[in-house]
Amino acid sequence: MPRVRVSVVKLLDELKITQCPFDHLRRRNGDTWSVGLTDSERETFAWLNPVVFARVRFLEKSKAGYLRQASFVTFTEGPDHDAAT
């Protein structure tokens, strides 16, 4: 495994927690058109303590504010507000 991937996996393993750390995640009711996660979907996720920041590149933002064509650049010590566009 490449050196960078090994260090990322090690970092993420140290941050694993058992429950979702977010109170505001939407729940889906099982309907095809509903948005969010069902309880069974949540159980399959690996939850992490949200203390790591990542810098990403993206092509554009959608009207709803979602990033399009996003790609990972690096981890940072904290939020980089100057680089945000």
C-alpha atoms as a PDB file:
ATOM      1  CA  MET A   1       0.000   0.000   0.000  1.00  0.00           C
ATOM      2  CA  PRO A   2       1.407   3.456  -0.862  1.00  0.00           C
ATOM      3  CA  ARG A   3       2.869   5.480   2.033  1.00  0.00           C
ATOM      4  CA  VAL A   4       0.217   8.227   1.851  1.00  0.00           C
ATOM      5  CA  ARG A   5      -2.636   5.720   1.913  1.00  0.00           C
ATOM      6  CA  VAL A   6      -1.118   3.963   4.938  1.00  0.00           C
ATOM      7  CA  SER A   7      -0.914   7.255   6.841  1.00  0.00           C
ATOM      8  CA  VAL A   8      -4.506   8.191   5.907  1.00  0.00           C
ATOM      9  CA  VAL A   9      -5.847   4.784   6.987  1.00  0.00           C
ATOM     10  CA  LYS A  10      -3.945   5.040  10.288  1.00  0.00           C
ATOM     11  CA  LEU A  11      -5.313   8.537  10.934  1.00  0.00           C
ATOM     12  CA  LEU A  12      -8.888   7.523  10.136  1.00  0.00           C
ATOM     13  CA  ASP A  13      -8.684   4.359  12.270  1.00  0.00           C
ATOM     14  CA  GLU A  14      -7.704   6.503  15.269  1.00  0.00           C
ATOM     15  CA  LEU A  15     -10.788   8.689  14.747  1.00  0.00           C
ATOM     16  CA  LYS A  16     -13.405   5.906  14.527  1.00  0.00           C
ATOM     17  CA  ILE A  17     -16.404   6.194  16.830  1.00  0.00           C
ATOM     18  CA  THR A  18     -19.467   3.980  17.212  1.00  0.00           C
ATOM     19  CA  GLN A  19     -22.297   6.475  16.707  1.00  0.00           C
ATOM     20  CA  CYS A  20     -23.045   9.219  14.212  1.00  0.00           C
ATOM     21  CA  PRO A  21     -21.609  12.500  15.572  1.00  0.00           C
ATOM     22  CA  PHE A  22     -24.149  14.676  13.750  1.00  0.00           C
ATOM     23  CA  ASP A  23     -27.531  15.558  15.218  1.00  0.00           C
ATOM     24  CA  HIS A  24     -28.851  17.131  12.036  1.00  0.00           C
ATOM     25  CA  LEU A  25     -28.497  14.247   9.549  1.00  0.00           C
ATOM     26  CA  ARG A  26     -31.753  13.627   7.766  1.00  0.00           C
ATOM     27  CA  ARG A  27     -33.508  10.320   8.186  1.00  0.00           C
ATOM     28  CA  ARG A  28     -35.018   8.657   5.168  1.00  0.00           C
ATOM     29  CA  ASN A  29     -38.326   6.879   5.522  1.00  0.00           C
ATOM     30  CA  GLY A  30     -37.508   4.222   2.919  1.00  0.00           C
ATOM     31  CA  ASP A  31     -39.336   6.027   0.122  1.00  0.00           C
ATOM     32  CA  THR A  32     -37.384   6.153  -3.135  1.00  0.00           C
ATOM     33  CA  TRP A  33     -37.775   9.935  -3.370  1.00  0.00           C
ATOM     34  CA  SER A  34     -36.939  10.846   0.223  1.00  0.00           C
ATOM     35  CA  VAL A  35     -33.556  12.357   1.119  1.00  0.00           C
ATOM     36  CA  GLY A  36     -31.312  11.134   3.958  1.00  0.00           C
ATOM     37  CA  LEU A  37     -30.241   7.825   5.471  1.00  0.00           C
ATOM     38  CA  THR A  38     -32.269   4.957   6.846  1.00  0.00           C
ATOM     39  CA  ASP A  39     -31.267   3.471  10.212  1.00  0.00           C
ATOM     40  CA  SER A  40     -29.983   0.325   8.492  1.00  0.00           C
ATOM     41  CA  GLU A  41     -27.831   2.426   6.130  1.00  0.00           C
ATOM     42  CA  ARG A  42     -26.361   4.318   9.104  1.00  0.00           C
ATOM     43  CA  GLU A  43     -25.260   1.020  10.686  1.00  0.00           C
ATOM     44  CA  THR A  44     -23.056   0.223   7.661  1.00  0.00           C
ATOM     45  CA  PHE A  45     -21.104   3.492   7.892  1.00  0.00           C
ATOM     46  CA  ALA A  46     -17.769   3.992   9.626  1.00  0.00           C
ATOM     47  CA  TRP A  47     -18.277   7.135  11.713  1.00  0.00           C
ATOM     48  CA  LEU A  48     -15.331   9.379  12.527  1.00  0.00           C
ATOM     49  CA  ASN A  49     -14.811  12.026  15.161  1.00  0.00           C
ATOM     50  CA  PRO A  50     -15.025  15.238  13.082  1.00  0.00           C
ATOM     51  CA  VAL A  51     -11.675  16.814  13.979  1.00  0.00           C
ATOM     52  CA  VAL A  52      -9.779  16.601  10.684  1.00  0.00           C
ATOM     53  CA  PHE A  53     -10.096  19.178   7.928  1.00  0.00           C
ATOM     54  CA  ALA A  54      -9.491  18.452   4.266  1.00  0.00           C
ATOM     55  CA  ARG A  55      -8.668  20.802   1.429  1.00  0.00           C
ATOM     56  CA  VAL A  56     -10.469  19.915  -1.787  1.00  0.00           C
ATOM     57  CA  ARG A  57     -10.575  21.308  -5.291  1.00  0.00           C
ATOM     58  CA  PHE A  58     -13.809  21.616  -7.183  1.00  0.00           C
ATOM     59  CA  LEU A  59     -14.966  22.776 -10.582  1.00  0.00           C
ATOM     60  CA  GLU A  60     -18.099  24.616  -9.483  1.00  0.00           C
ATOM     61  CA  LYS A  61     -20.924  24.746  -6.954  1.00  0.00           C
ATOM     62  CA  SER A  62     -24.476  23.762  -7.799  1.00  0.00           C
ATOM     63  CA  LYS A  63     -27.360  26.151  -7.148  1.00  0.00           C
ATOM     64  CA  ALA A  64     -28.048  24.148  -3.975  1.00  0.00           C
ATOM     65  CA  GLY A  65     -24.452  24.714  -2.798  1.00  0.00           C
ATOM     66  CA  TYR A  66     -23.057  21.234  -3.518  1.00  0.00           C
ATOM     67  CA  LEU A  67     -19.530  20.884  -4.907  1.00  0.00           C
ATOM     68  CA  ARG A  68     -19.212  19.464  -8.415  1.00  0.00           C
ATOM     69  CA  GLN A  69     -16.161  17.585  -9.693  1.00  0.00           C
ATOM     70  CA  ALA A  70     -14.598  17.659  -6.204  1.00  0.00           C
ATOM     71  CA  SER A  71     -11.248  16.000  -5.507  1.00  0.00           C
ATOM     72  CA  PHE A  72      -9.131  15.604  -2.361  1.00  0.00           C
ATOM     73  CA  VAL A  73      -5.972  17.737  -2.064  1.00  0.00           C
ATOM     74  CA  THR A  74      -4.632  17.319   1.496  1.00  0.00           C
ATOM     75  CA  PHE A  75      -5.469  17.278   5.186  1.00  0.00           C
ATOM     76  CA  THR A  76      -5.001  20.529   7.132  1.00  0.00           C
ATOM     77  CA  GLU A  77      -4.694  21.475  10.812  1.00  0.00           C
ATOM     78  CA  GLY A  78      -7.831  23.604  10.708  1.00  0.00           C
ATOM     79  CA  PRO A  79     -10.251  25.371   8.403  1.00  0.00           C
ATOM     80  CA  ASP A  80      -8.477  27.402   5.756  1.00  0.00           C
ATOM     81  CA  HIS A  81     -10.917  30.283   5.313  1.00  0.00           C
ATOM     82  CA  ASP A  82      -8.517  32.231   3.084  1.00  0.00           C
ATOM     83  CA  ALA A  83      -8.469  29.456   0.490  1.00  0.00           C
ATOM     84  CA  ALA A  84     -12.262  29.072   0.426  1.00  0.00           C
ATOM     85  CA  THR A  85     -13.983  30.377  -2.693  1.00  0.00           C
END
